[in-house]
Amino acid sequence: MTNILLNTNPISEGYVILFTGLFIVFSSLVALALIFNYALPVMLYVYKIITKGKDKKISEIKVKGDSNFTGEISAVIGAAIHMYKNEQHDHESAILTIKQVKKTYSPWSSKIYGIQNRL
């Protein structure tokens, strides 16, 4: 087994590690910024192409609303959800009782018979 001695300067190795780390961090930040800026419009465009169908244009797609769904129905649904959420929590009386616990005497935990007791 032969040992090869490498003459390297620890300061120059530190610079190499520093610049490599900075390059990795900033390049990944730039890549994430590009993805967040340009990936969402591309995904929305693909979604519109998929959902529009073959014969329709994107501007021809309209959102269908239910005319029978009124504000009263939404109020009833909201009240039901509120009542359901309130039933999940139990109501407490907020009265605390503290009972004093009496300990029985035990010579094992007594400080009278400690190690530094000089009788």
PDB file of N, CA and C in Angstrom:
ATOM      1  N   MET A   1       0.853  -1.161   0.000  1.00  0.00           N
ATOM      2  CA  MET A   1       0.000   0.000   0.000  1.00  0.00           C
ATOM      3  C   MET A   1       0.896   1.219   0.000  1.00  0.00           C
ATOM      4  N   THR A   2       0.622   2.084  -0.912  1.00  0.00           N
ATOM      5  CA  THR A   2       1.446   3.293  -1.002  1.00  0.00           C
ATOM      6  C   THR A   2       0.631   4.497  -0.588  1.00  0.00           C
ATOM      7  N   ASN A   3       1.254   5.345   0.115  1.00  0.00           N
ATOM      8  CA  ASN A   3       0.602   6.591   0.540  1.00  0.00           C
ATOM      9  C   ASN A   3       1.057   7.715  -0.359  1.00  0.00           C
ATOM     10  N   ILE A   4       0.131   8.432  -0.855  1.00  0.00           N
ATOM     11  CA  ILE A   4       0.433   9.569  -1.725  1.00  0.00           C
ATOM     12  C   ILE A   4       0.166  10.846  -0.943  1.00  0.00           C
ATOM     13  N   LEU A   5       1.153  11.636  -0.844  1.00  0.00           N
ATOM     14  CA  LEU A   5       0.997  12.902  -0.132  1.00  0.00           C
ATOM     15  C   LEU A   5       0.533  13.967  -1.113  1.00  0.00           C
ATOM     16  N   LEU A   6      -0.490  14.626  -0.742  1.00  0.00           N
ATOM     17  CA  LEU A   6      -1.009  15.700  -1.573  1.00  0.00           C
ATOM     18  C   LEU A   6      -0.682  17.021  -0.902  1.00  0.00           C
ATOM     19  N   ASN A   7      -0.062  17.855  -1.643  1.00  0.00           N
ATOM     20  CA  ASN A   7       0.222  19.178  -1.110  1.00  0.00           C
ATOM     21  C   ASN A   7      -0.879  20.116  -1.562  1.00  0.00           C
ATOM     22  N   THR A   8      -1.765  20.381  -0.658  1.00  0.00           N
ATOM     23  CA  THR A   8      -2.858  21.299  -0.981  1.00  0.00           C
ATOM     24  C   THR A   8      -2.910  22.378   0.072  1.00  0.00           C
ATOM     25  N   ASN A   9      -3.344  23.482  -0.366  1.00  0.00           N
ATOM     26  CA  ASN A   9      -3.499  24.608   0.552  1.00  0.00           C
ATOM     27  C   ASN A   9      -4.915  24.578   1.115  1.00  0.00           C
ATOM     28  N   PRO A  10      -5.079  24.508   2.444  1.00  0.00           N
ATOM     29  CA  PRO A  10      -6.438  24.434   2.996  1.00  0.00           C
ATOM     30  C   PRO A  10      -7.266  25.675   2.701  1.00  0.00           C
ATOM     31  N   ILE A  11      -6.621  26.800   2.517  1.00  0.00           N
ATOM     32  CA  ILE A  11      -7.375  28.026   2.230  1.00  0.00           C
ATOM     33  C   ILE A  11      -7.964  27.955   0.828  1.00  0.00           C
ATOM     34  N   SER A  12      -7.194  27.453  -0.144  1.00  0.00           N
ATOM     35  CA  SER A  12      -7.730  27.358  -1.500  1.00  0.00           C
ATOM     36  C   SER A  12      -8.847  26.308  -1.576  1.00  0.00           C
ATOM     37  N   GLU A  13      -8.740  25.234  -0.790  1.00  0.00           N
ATOM     38  CA  GLU A  13      -9.837  24.251  -0.752  1.00  0.00           C
ATOM     39  C   GLU A  13     -11.100  24.881  -0.181  1.00  0.00           C
ATOM     40  N   GLY A  14     -10.931  25.742   0.783  1.00  0.00           N
ATOM     41  CA  GLY A  14     -12.079  26.428   1.358  1.00  0.00           C
ATOM     42  C   GLY A  14     -12.766  27.319   0.343  1.00  0.00           C
ATOM     43  N   TYR A  15     -11.983  28.004  -0.465  1.00  0.00           N
ATOM     44  CA  TYR A  15     -12.584  28.847  -1.503  1.00  0.00           C
ATOM     45  C   TYR A  15     -13.335  28.013  -2.532  1.00  0.00           C
ATOM     46  N   VAL A  16     -12.761  26.877  -2.894  1.00  0.00           N
ATOM     47  CA  VAL A  16     -13.431  26.010  -3.868  1.00  0.00           C
ATOM     48  C   VAL A  16     -14.770  25.530  -3.315  1.00  0.00           C
ATOM     49  N   ILE A  17     -14.766  25.117  -2.046  1.00  0.00           N
ATOM     50  CA  ILE A  17     -16.023  24.660  -1.422  1.00  0.00           C
ATOM     51  C   ILE A  17     -17.004  25.810  -1.318  1.00  0.00           C
ATOM     52  N   LEU A  18     -16.517  26.986  -0.963  1.00  0.00           N
ATOM     53  CA  LEU A  18     -17.384  28.161  -0.842  1.00  0.00           C
ATOM     54  C   LEU A  18     -18.033  28.501  -2.177  1.00  0.00           C
ATOM     55  N   PHE A  19     -17.253  28.606  -3.223  1.00  0.00           N
ATOM     56  CA  PHE A  19     -17.822  28.992  -4.519  1.00  0.00           C
ATOM     57  C   PHE A  19     -18.713  27.899  -5.098  1.00  0.00           C
ATOM     58  N   THR A  20     -18.376  26.644  -4.843  1.00  0.00           N
ATOM     59  CA  THR A  20     -19.242  25.560  -5.318  1.00  0.00           C
ATOM     60  C   THR A  20     -20.594  25.615  -4.603  1.00  0.00           C
ATOM     61  N   GLY A  21     -20.561  25.834  -3.305  1.00  0.00           N
ATOM     62  CA  GLY A  21     -21.821  25.930  -2.564  1.00  0.00           C
ATOM     63  C   GLY A  21     -22.650  27.118  -3.006  1.00  0.00           C
ATOM     64  N   LEU A  22     -21.993  28.269  -3.189  1.00  0.00           N
ATOM     65  CA  LEU A  22     -22.728  29.444  -3.657  1.00  0.00           C
ATOM     66  C   LEU A  22     -23.319  29.217  -5.040  1.00  0.00           C
ATOM     67  N   PHE A  23     -22.566  28.574  -5.910  1.00  0.00           N
ATOM     68  CA  PHE A  23     -23.066  28.302  -7.261  1.00  0.00           C
ATOM     69  C   PHE A  23     -24.281  27.390  -7.207  1.00  0.00           C
ATOM     70  N   ILE A  24     -24.220  26.354  -6.377  1.00  0.00           N
ATOM     71  CA  ILE A  24     -25.359  25.420  -6.280  1.00  0.00           C
ATOM     72  C   ILE A  24     -26.590  26.126  -5.729  1.00  0.00           C
ATOM     73  N   VAL A  25     -26.412  26.923  -4.693  1.00  0.00           N
ATOM     74  CA  VAL A  25     -27.559  27.586  -4.074  1.00  0.00           C
ATOM     75  C   VAL A  25     -28.194  28.586  -5.029  1.00  0.00           C
ATOM     76  N   PHE A  26     -27.383  29.447  -5.631  1.00  0.00           N
ATOM     77  CA  PHE A  26     -27.960  30.484  -6.486  1.00  0.00           C
ATOM     78  C   PHE A  26     -28.508  29.918  -7.788  1.00  0.00           C
ATOM     79  N   SER A  27     -27.859  28.880  -8.318  1.00  0.00           N
ATOM     80  CA  SER A  27     -28.420  28.274  -9.533  1.00  0.00           C
ATOM     81  C   SER A  27     -29.748  27.588  -9.250  1.00  0.00           C
ATOM     82  N   SER A  28     -29.874  26.967  -8.071  1.00  0.00           N
ATOM     83  CA  SER A  28     -31.162  26.346  -7.747  1.00  0.00           C
ATOM     84  C   SER A  28     -32.234  27.403  -7.503  1.00  0.00           C
ATOM     85  N   LEU A  29     -31.850  28.557  -6.918  1.00  0.00           N
ATOM     86  CA  LEU A  29     -32.824  29.639  -6.736  1.00  0.00           C
ATOM     87  C   LEU A  29     -33.293  30.197  -8.072  1.00  0.00           C
ATOM     88  N   VAL A  30     -32.390  30.348  -8.995  1.00  0.00           N
ATOM     89  CA  VAL A  30     -32.764  30.842 -10.331  1.00  0.00           C
ATOM     90  C   VAL A  30     -33.658  29.825 -11.034  1.00  0.00           C
ATOM     91  N   ALA A  31     -33.343  28.550 -10.898  1.00  0.00           N
ATOM     92  CA  ALA A  31     -34.171  27.511 -11.527  1.00  0.00           C
ATOM     93  C   ALA A  31     -35.573  27.507 -10.932  1.00  0.00           C
ATOM     94  N   LEU A  32     -35.672  27.641  -9.605  1.00  0.00           N
ATOM     95  CA  LEU A  32     -37.001  27.676  -8.972  1.00  0.00           C
ATOM     96  C   LEU A  32     -37.788  28.915  -9.393  1.00  0.00           C
ATOM     97  N   ALA A  33     -37.112  30.055  -9.507  1.00  0.00           N
ATOM     98  CA  ALA A  33     -37.805  31.266  -9.942  1.00  0.00           C
ATOM     99  C   ALA A  33     -38.340  31.105 -11.358  1.00  0.00           C
ATOM    100  N   LEU A  34     -37.551  30.495 -12.228  1.00  0.00           N
ATOM    101  CA  LEU A  34     -38.013  30.275 -13.606  1.00  0.00           C
ATOM    102  C   LEU A  34     -39.195  29.312 -13.637  1.00  0.00           C
ATOM    103  N   ILE A  35     -39.128  28.284 -12.823  1.00  0.00           N
ATOM    104  CA  ILE A  35     -40.231  27.310 -12.789  1.00  0.00           C
ATOM    105  C   ILE A  35     -41.508  27.973 -12.290  1.00  0.00           C
ATOM    106  N   PHE A  36     -41.398  28.765 -11.218  1.00  0.00           N
ATOM    107  CA  PHE A  36     -42.608  29.386 -10.680  1.00  0.00           C
ATOM    108  C   PHE A  36     -43.169  30.448 -11.625  1.00  0.00           C
ATOM    109  N   ASN A  37     -42.315  31.104 -12.376  1.00  0.00           N
ATOM    110  CA  ASN A  37     -42.804  32.135 -13.288  1.00  0.00           C
ATOM    111  C   ASN A  37     -43.402  31.564 -14.560  1.00  0.00           C
ATOM    112  N   TYR A  38     -42.817  30.515 -15.089  1.00  0.00           N
ATOM    113  CA  TYR A  38     -43.229  30.041 -16.406  1.00  0.00           C
ATOM    114  C   TYR A  38     -43.962  28.710 -16.390  1.00  0.00           C
ATOM    115  N   ALA A  39     -43.891  27.944 -15.335  1.00  0.00           N
ATOM    116  CA  ALA A  39     -44.546  26.638 -15.333  1.00  0.00           C
ATOM    117  C   ALA A  39     -46.046  26.765 -15.134  1.00  0.00           C
ATOM    118  N   LEU A  40     -46.482  27.713 -14.305  1.00  0.00           N
ATOM    119  CA  LEU A  40     -47.915  27.854 -14.052  1.00  0.00           C
ATOM    120  C   LEU A  40     -48.685  28.284 -15.302  1.00  0.00           C
ATOM    121  N   PRO A  41     -48.245  29.282 -16.067  1.00  0.00           N
ATOM    122  CA  PRO A  41     -48.976  29.596 -17.297  1.00  0.00           C
ATOM    123  C   PRO A  41     -48.998  28.442 -18.289  1.00  0.00           C
ATOM    124  N   VAL A  42     -47.923  27.704 -18.369  1.00  0.00           N
ATOM    125  CA  VAL A  42     -47.889  26.554 -19.286  1.00  0.00           C
ATOM    126  C   VAL A  42     -48.877  25.496 -18.820  1.00  0.00           C
ATOM    127  N   MET A  43     -48.921  25.247 -17.509  1.00  0.00           N
ATOM    128  CA  MET A  43     -49.855  24.247 -16.992  1.00  0.00           C
ATOM    129  C   MET A  43     -51.303  24.686 -17.200  1.00  0.00           C
ATOM    130  N   LEU A  44     -51.583  25.970 -17.012  1.00  0.00           N
ATOM    131  CA  LEU A  44     -52.943  26.462 -17.255  1.00  0.00           C
ATOM    132  C   LEU A  44     -53.313  26.351 -18.732  1.00  0.00           C
ATOM    133  N   TYR A  45     -52.374  26.615 -19.602  1.00  0.00           N
ATOM    134  CA  TYR A  45     -52.636  26.493 -21.026  1.00  0.00           C
ATOM    135  C   TYR A  45     -52.929  25.049 -21.400  1.00  0.00           C
ATOM    136  N   VAL A  46     -52.171  24.122 -20.852  1.00  0.00           N
ATOM    137  CA  VAL A  46     -52.411  22.696 -21.122  1.00  0.00           C
ATOM    138  C   VAL A  46     -53.753  22.275 -20.557  1.00  0.00           C
ATOM    139  N   TYR A  47     -54.096  22.794 -19.375  1.00  0.00           N
ATOM    140  CA  TYR A  47     -55.382  22.461 -18.765  1.00  0.00           C
ATOM    141  C   TYR A  47     -56.529  22.961 -19.633  1.00  0.00           C
ATOM    142  N   LYS A  48     -56.404  24.172 -20.143  1.00  0.00           N
ATOM    143  CA  LYS A  48     -57.453  24.700 -21.004  1.00  0.00           C
ATOM    144  C   LYS A  48     -57.575  23.882 -22.287  1.00  0.00           C
ATOM    145  N   ILE A  49     -56.465  23.468 -22.837  1.00  0.00           N
ATOM    146  CA  ILE A  49     -56.508  22.660 -24.056  1.00  0.00           C
ATOM    147  C   ILE A  49     -57.190  21.320 -23.774  1.00  0.00           C
ATOM    148  N   ILE A  50     -56.894  20.725 -22.631  1.00  0.00           N
ATOM    149  CA  ILE A  50     -57.479  19.423 -22.299  1.00  0.00           C
ATOM    150  C   ILE A  50     -58.978  19.553 -22.044  1.00  0.00           C
ATOM    151  N   THR A  51     -59.388  20.606 -21.326  1.00  0.00           N
ATOM    152  CA  THR A  51     -60.797  20.703 -20.940  1.00  0.00           C
ATOM    153  C   THR A  51     -61.694  21.315 -21.993  1.00  0.00           C
ATOM    154  N   LYS A  52     -61.139  21.994 -22.957  1.00  0.00           N
ATOM    155  CA  LYS A  52     -62.019  22.680 -23.899  1.00  0.00           C
ATOM    156  C   LYS A  52     -62.643  21.730 -24.906  1.00  0.00           C
ATOM    157  N   GLY A  53     -62.065  20.629 -25.158  1.00  0.00           N
ATOM    158  CA  GLY A  53     -62.580  19.731 -26.178  1.00  0.00           C
ATOM    159  C   GLY A  53     -61.949  20.064 -27.522  1.00  0.00           C
ATOM    160  N   LYS A  54     -62.272  19.285 -28.504  1.00  0.00           N
ATOM    161  CA  LYS A  54     -61.626  19.476 -29.800  1.00  0.00           C
ATOM    162  C   LYS A  54     -62.288  20.580 -30.619  1.00  0.00           C
ATOM    163  N   ASP A  55     -63.589  20.728 -30.485  1.00  0.00           N
ATOM    164  CA  ASP A  55     -64.298  21.641 -31.363  1.00  0.00           C
ATOM    165  C   ASP A  55     -64.460  23.046 -30.821  1.00  0.00           C
ATOM    166  N   LYS A  56     -64.324  23.213 -29.509  1.00  0.00           N
ATOM    167  CA  LYS A  56     -64.575  24.511 -28.898  1.00  0.00           C
ATOM    168  C   LYS A  56     -63.296  25.325 -28.781  1.00  0.00           C
ATOM    169  N   LYS A  57     -63.471  26.642 -28.791  1.00  0.00           N
ATOM    170  CA  LYS A  57     -62.357  27.528 -28.510  1.00  0.00           C
ATOM    171  C   LYS A  57     -62.363  27.842 -27.012  1.00  0.00           C
ATOM    172  N   ILE A  58     -61.268  28.355 -26.547  1.00  0.00           N
ATOM    173  CA  ILE A  58     -61.170  28.643 -25.115  1.00  0.00           C
ATOM    174  C   ILE A  58     -62.156  29.732 -24.712  1.00  0.00           C
ATOM    175  N   SER A  59     -62.384  30.694 -25.581  1.00  0.00           N
ATOM    176  CA  SER A  59     -63.311  31.774 -25.236  1.00  0.00           C
ATOM    177  C   SER A  59     -64.763  31.299 -25.216  1.00  0.00           C
ATOM    178  N   GLU A  60     -65.070  30.182 -25.845  1.00  0.00           N
ATOM    179  CA  GLU A  60     -66.439  29.675 -25.878  1.00  0.00           C
ATOM    180  C   GLU A  60     -66.831  28.922 -24.609  1.00  0.00           C
ATOM    181  N   ILE A  61     -65.860  28.566 -23.797  1.00  0.00           N
ATOM    182  CA  ILE A  61     -66.145  27.821 -22.575  1.00  0.00           C
ATOM    183  C   ILE A  61     -66.705  28.776 -21.536  1.00  0.00           C
ATOM    184  N   LYS A  62     -67.872  28.448 -20.988  1.00  0.00           N
ATOM    185  CA  LYS A  62     -68.508  29.289 -19.976  1.00  0.00           C
ATOM    186  C   LYS A  62     -68.739  28.456 -18.712  1.00  0.00           C
ATOM    187  N   VAL A  63     -68.712  29.155 -17.604  1.00  0.00           N
ATOM    188  CA  VAL A  63     -68.953  28.492 -16.326  1.00  0.00           C
ATOM    189  C   VAL A  63     -70.453  28.365 -16.129  1.00  0.00           C
ATOM    190  N   LYS A  64     -70.892  27.159 -15.794  1.00  0.00           N
ATOM    191  CA  LYS A  64     -72.309  26.925 -15.585  1.00  0.00           C
ATOM    192  C   LYS A  64     -72.641  27.140 -14.111  1.00  0.00           C
ATOM    193  N   GLY A  65     -73.617  27.975 -13.861  1.00  0.00           N
ATOM    194  CA  GLY A  65     -74.051  28.232 -12.503  1.00  0.00           C
ATOM    195  C   GLY A  65     -75.421  27.630 -12.261  1.00  0.00           C
ATOM    196  N   ASP A  66     -75.667  27.227 -11.000  1.00  0.00           N
ATOM    197  CA  ASP A  66     -76.957  26.656 -10.636  1.00  0.00           C
ATOM    198  C   ASP A  66     -77.864  27.777 -10.156  1.00  0.00           C
ATOM    199  N   SER A  67     -78.982  28.004 -10.833  1.00  0.00           N
ATOM    200  CA  SER A  67     -79.878  29.092 -10.468  1.00  0.00           C
ATOM    201  C   SER A  67     -80.711  28.750  -9.235  1.00  0.00           C
ATOM    202  N   ASN A  68     -80.799  27.469  -8.888  1.00  0.00           N
ATOM    203  CA  ASN A  68     -81.572  27.063  -7.712  1.00  0.00           C
ATOM    204  C   ASN A  68     -80.798  27.239  -6.409  1.00  0.00           C
ATOM    205  N   PHE A  69     -79.501  27.425  -6.509  1.00  0.00           N
ATOM    206  CA  PHE A  69     -78.668  27.577  -5.318  1.00  0.00           C
ATOM    207  C   PHE A  69     -78.730  29.040  -4.880  1.00  0.00           C
ATOM    208  N   THR A  70     -79.492  29.313  -3.826  1.00  0.00           N
ATOM    209  CA  THR A  70     -79.678  30.693  -3.370  1.00  0.00           C
ATOM    210  C   THR A  70     -78.850  30.961  -2.134  1.00  0.00           C
ATOM    211  N   GLY A  71     -78.935  32.183  -1.667  1.00  0.00           N
ATOM    212  CA  GLY A  71     -78.213  32.568  -0.463  1.00  0.00           C
ATOM    213  C   GLY A  71     -78.755  31.892   0.775  1.00  0.00           C
ATOM    214  N   GLU A  72     -80.047  31.574   0.773  1.00  0.00           N
ATOM    215  CA  GLU A  72     -80.643  30.886   1.919  1.00  0.00           C
ATOM    216  C   GLU A  72     -80.061  29.482   2.082  1.00  0.00           C
ATOM    217  N   ILE A  73     -79.858  28.822   0.973  1.00  0.00           N
ATOM    218  CA  ILE A  73     -79.277  27.473   1.029  1.00  0.00           C
ATOM    219  C   ILE A  73     -77.848  27.547   1.553  1.00  0.00           C
ATOM    220  N   SER A  74     -77.096  28.524   1.094  1.00  0.00           N
ATOM    221  CA  SER A  74     -75.722  28.640   1.572  1.00  0.00           C
ATOM    222  C   SER A  74     -75.704  29.019   3.050  1.00  0.00           C
ATOM    223  N   ALA A  75     -76.699  29.827   3.512  1.00  0.00           N
ATOM    224  CA  ALA A  75     -76.769  30.169   4.938  1.00  0.00           C
ATOM    225  C   ALA A  75     -77.076  28.940   5.779  1.00  0.00           C
ATOM    226  N   VAL A  76     -77.968  28.088   5.301  1.00  0.00           N
ATOM    227  CA  VAL A  76     -78.294  26.861   6.029  1.00  0.00           C
ATOM    228  C   VAL A  76     -77.085  25.941   6.105  1.00  0.00           C
ATOM    229  N   ILE A  77     -76.357  25.845   5.017  1.00  0.00           N
ATOM    230  CA  ILE A  77     -75.157  24.993   5.010  1.00  0.00           C
ATOM    231  C   ILE A  77     -74.121  25.550   5.982  1.00  0.00           C
ATOM    232  N   GLY A  78     -73.942  26.868   5.983  1.00  0.00           N
ATOM    233  CA  GLY A  78     -72.984  27.486   6.900  1.00  0.00           C
ATOM    234  C   GLY A  78     -73.380  27.284   8.356  1.00  0.00           C
ATOM    235  N   ALA A  79     -74.670  27.409   8.652  1.00  0.00           N
ATOM    236  CA  ALA A  79     -75.135  27.197  10.030  1.00  0.00           C
ATOM    237  C   ALA A  79     -74.945  25.749  10.456  1.00  0.00           C
ATOM    238  N   ALA A  80     -75.194  24.821   9.553  1.00  0.00           N
ATOM    239  CA  ALA A  80     -75.008  23.405   9.885  1.00  0.00           C
ATOM    240  C   ALA A  80     -73.545  23.095  10.161  1.00  0.00           C
ATOM    241  N   ILE A  81     -72.669  23.662   9.377  1.00  0.00           N
ATOM    242  CA  ILE A  81     -71.228  23.443   9.599  1.00  0.00           C
ATOM    243  C   ILE A  81     -70.813  24.066  10.933  1.00  0.00           C
ATOM    244  N   HIS A  82     -71.323  25.246  11.237  1.00  0.00           N
ATOM    245  CA  HIS A  82     -70.994  25.907  12.507  1.00  0.00           C
ATOM    246  C   HIS A  82     -71.479  25.077  13.696  1.00  0.00           C
ATOM    247  N   MET A  83     -72.708  24.563  13.613  1.00  0.00           N
ATOM    248  CA  MET A  83     -73.242  23.749  14.706  1.00  0.00           C
ATOM    249  C   MET A  83     -72.456  22.452  14.851  1.00  0.00           C
ATOM    250  N   TYR A  84     -72.050  21.869  13.742  1.00  0.00           N
ATOM    251  CA  TYR A  84     -71.275  20.625  13.802  1.00  0.00           C
ATOM    252  C   TYR A  84     -69.918  20.868  14.460  1.00  0.00           C
ATOM    253  N   LYS A  85     -69.293  21.994  14.122  1.00  0.00           N
ATOM    254  CA  LYS A  85     -67.987  22.307  14.714  1.00  0.00           C
ATOM    255  C   LYS A  85     -68.120  22.574  16.210  1.00  0.00           C
ATOM    256  N   ASN A  86     -69.213  23.206  16.641  1.00  0.00           N
ATOM    257  CA  ASN A  86     -69.400  23.480  18.066  1.00  0.00           C
ATOM    258  C   ASN A  86     -69.692  22.219  18.853  1.00  0.00           C
ATOM    259  N   GLU A  87     -70.322  21.241  18.247  1.00  0.00           N
ATOM    260  CA  GLU A  87     -70.615  20.005  18.955  1.00  0.00           C
ATOM    261  C   GLU A  87     -69.379  19.155  19.206  1.00  0.00           C
ATOM    262  N   GLN A  88     -68.340  19.390  18.468  1.00  0.00           N
ATOM    263  CA  GLN A  88     -67.124  18.591  18.632  1.00  0.00           C
ATOM    264  C   GLN A  88     -66.389  18.931  19.916  1.00  0.00           C
ATOM    265  N   HIS A  89     -66.564  20.150  20.418  1.00  0.00           N
ATOM    266  CA  HIS A  89     -65.890  20.557  21.653  1.00  0.00           C
ATOM    267  C   HIS A  89     -66.849  20.372  22.819  1.00  0.00           C
ATOM    268  N   ASP A  90     -66.384  19.748  23.868  1.00  0.00           N
ATOM    269  CA  ASP A  90     -67.220  19.600  25.050  1.00  0.00           C
ATOM    270  C   ASP A  90     -67.081  20.852  25.924  1.00  0.00           C
ATOM    271  N   HIS A  91     -68.166  21.181  26.595  1.00  0.00           N
ATOM    272  CA  HIS A  91     -68.186  22.362  27.440  1.00  0.00           C
ATOM    273  C   HIS A  91     -67.801  21.954  28.856  1.00  0.00           C
ATOM    274  N   GLU A  92     -66.817  22.620  29.385  1.00  0.00           N
ATOM    275  CA  GLU A  92     -66.335  22.308  30.723  1.00  0.00           C
ATOM    276  C   GLU A  92     -66.791  23.393  31.687  1.00  0.00           C
ATOM    277  N   SER A  93     -66.871  23.047  32.968  1.00  0.00           N
ATOM    278  CA  SER A  93     -67.382  23.995  33.950  1.00  0.00           C
ATOM    279  C   SER A  93     -66.336  25.021  34.365  1.00  0.00           C
ATOM    280  N   ALA A  94     -65.093  24.788  34.084  1.00  0.00           N
ATOM    281  CA  ALA A  94     -63.979  25.682  34.415  1.00  0.00           C
ATOM    282  C   ALA A  94     -63.796  25.832  35.916  1.00  0.00           C
ATOM    283  N   ILE A  95     -64.211  24.863  36.690  1.00  0.00           N
ATOM    284  CA  ILE A  95     -63.984  24.854  38.132  1.00  0.00           C
ATOM    285  C   ILE A  95     -62.881  23.847  38.432  1.00  0.00           C
ATOM    286  N   LEU A  96     -61.864  24.316  39.097  1.00  0.00           N
ATOM    287  CA  LEU A  96     -60.742  23.441  39.406  1.00  0.00           C
ATOM    288  C   LEU A  96     -60.798  23.047  40.867  1.00  0.00           C
ATOM    289  N   THR A  97     -60.572  21.829  41.151  1.00  0.00           N
ATOM    290  CA  THR A  97     -60.476  21.363  42.528  1.00  0.00           C
ATOM    291  C   THR A  97     -59.090  20.789  42.730  1.00  0.00           C
ATOM    292  N   ILE A  98     -58.498  21.185  43.824  1.00  0.00           N
ATOM    293  CA  ILE A  98     -57.154  20.719  44.125  1.00  0.00           C
ATOM    294  C   ILE A  98     -57.215  19.892  45.394  1.00  0.00           C
ATOM    295  N   LYS A  99     -56.801  18.682  45.293  1.00  0.00           N
ATOM    296  CA  LYS A  99     -56.774  17.810  46.459  1.00  0.00           C
ATOM    297  C   LYS A  99     -55.344  17.701  46.959  1.00  0.00           C
ATOM    298  N   GLN A 100     -55.200  17.857  48.271  1.00  0.00           N
ATOM    299  CA  GLN A 100     -53.875  17.744  48.847  1.00  0.00           C
ATOM    300  C   GLN A 100     -53.581  16.274  49.120  1.00  0.00           C
ATOM    301  N   VAL A 101     -52.483  15.831  48.625  1.00  0.00           N
ATOM    302  CA  VAL A 101     -52.129  14.432  48.766  1.00  0.00           C
ATOM    303  C   VAL A 101     -51.179  14.297  49.944  1.00  0.00           C
ATOM    304  N   LYS A 102     -51.537  13.427  50.843  1.00  0.00           N
ATOM    305  CA  LYS A 102     -50.665  13.179  51.993  1.00  0.00           C
ATOM    306  C   LYS A 102     -49.763  12.001  51.675  1.00  0.00           C
ATOM    307  N   LYS A 103     -48.497  12.228  51.905  1.00  0.00           N
ATOM    308  CA  LYS A 103     -47.538  11.161  51.642  1.00  0.00           C
ATOM    309  C   LYS A 103     -47.261  10.419  52.947  1.00  0.00           C
ATOM    310  N   THR A 104     -47.167   9.159  52.834  1.00  0.00           N
ATOM    311  CA  THR A 104     -46.821   8.367  54.016  1.00  0.00           C
ATOM    312  C   THR A 104     -45.324   8.473  54.263  1.00  0.00           C
ATOM    313  N   TYR A 105     -44.941   8.390  55.499  1.00  0.00           N
ATOM    314  CA  TYR A 105     -43.544   8.521  55.854  1.00  0.00           C
ATOM    315  C   TYR A 105     -42.775   7.286  55.412  1.00  0.00           C
ATOM    316  N   SER A 106     -41.655   7.529  54.799  1.00  0.00           N
ATOM    317  CA  SER A 106     -40.794   6.436  54.397  1.00  0.00           C
ATOM    318  C   SER A 106     -39.358   6.790  54.767  1.00  0.00           C
ATOM    319  N   PRO A 107     -38.676   5.935  55.492  1.00  0.00           N
ATOM    320  CA  PRO A 107     -37.287   6.242  55.855  1.00  0.00           C
ATOM    321  C   PRO A 107     -36.350   6.237  54.635  1.00  0.00           C
ATOM    322  N   TRP A 108     -36.788   5.651  53.557  1.00  0.00           N
ATOM    323  CA  TRP A 108     -35.932   5.600  52.371  1.00  0.00           C
ATOM    324  C   TRP A 108     -35.778   6.974  51.720  1.00  0.00           C
ATOM    325  N   SER A 109     -36.802   7.801  51.840  1.00  0.00           N
ATOM    326  CA  SER A 109     -36.702   9.117  51.235  1.00  0.00           C
ATOM    327  C   SER A 109     -36.484  10.210  52.276  1.00  0.00           C
ATOM    328  N   SER A 110     -36.207   9.834  53.494  1.00  0.00           N
ATOM    329  CA  SER A 110     -36.027  10.805  54.559  1.00  0.00           C
ATOM    330  C   SER A 110     -34.658  11.470  54.466  1.00  0.00           C
ATOM    331  N   LYS A 111     -34.644  12.758  54.714  1.00  0.00           N
ATOM    332  CA  LYS A 111     -33.389  13.495  54.652  1.00  0.00           C
ATOM    333  C   LYS A 111     -32.655  13.438  55.993  1.00  0.00           C
ATOM    334  N   ILE A 112     -33.292  12.892  56.980  1.00  0.00           N
ATOM    335  CA  ILE A 112     -32.643  12.776  58.293  1.00  0.00           C
ATOM    336  C   ILE A 112     -31.458  11.819  58.216  1.00  0.00           C
ATOM    337  N   TYR A 113     -31.636  10.769  57.455  1.00  0.00           N
ATOM    338  CA  TYR A 113     -30.591   9.746  57.365  1.00  0.00           C
ATOM    339  C   TYR A 113     -29.698   9.955  56.146  1.00  0.00           C
ATOM    340  N   GLY A 114     -29.429  11.164  55.806  1.00  0.00           N
ATOM    341  CA  GLY A 114     -28.596  11.453  54.642  1.00  0.00           C
ATOM    342  C   GLY A 114     -27.149  11.080  54.879  1.00  0.00           C
ATOM    343  N   ILE A 115     -26.385  11.177  53.829  1.00  0.00           N
ATOM    344  CA  ILE A 115     -24.976  10.782  53.893  1.00  0.00           C
ATOM    345  C   ILE A 115     -24.172  11.772  54.727  1.00  0.00           C
ATOM    346  N   GLN A 116     -24.477  13.022  54.612  1.00  0.00           N
ATOM    347  CA  GLN A 116     -23.683  14.027  55.313  1.00  0.00           C
ATOM    348  C   GLN A 116     -24.212  14.322  56.705  1.00  0.00           C
ATOM    349  N   ASN A 117     -25.077  13.496  57.189  1.00  0.00           N
ATOM    350  CA  ASN A 117     -25.606  13.711  58.525  1.00  0.00           C
ATOM    351  C   ASN A 117     -24.563  13.299  59.554  1.00  0.00           C
ATOM    352  N   ARG A 118     -24.124  14.257  60.306  1.00  0.00           N
ATOM    353  CA  ARG A 118     -23.090  13.981  61.316  1.00  0.00           C
ATOM    354  C   ARG A 118     -23.717  14.058  62.693  1.00  0.00           C
ATOM    355  N   LEU A 119     -24.114  12.943  63.174  1.00  0.00           N
ATOM    356  CA  LEU A 119     -24.735  12.915  64.502  1.00  0.00           C
ATOM    357  C   LEU A 119     -23.719  12.773  65.577  1.00  0.00           C
TER     358      LEU A 119
END
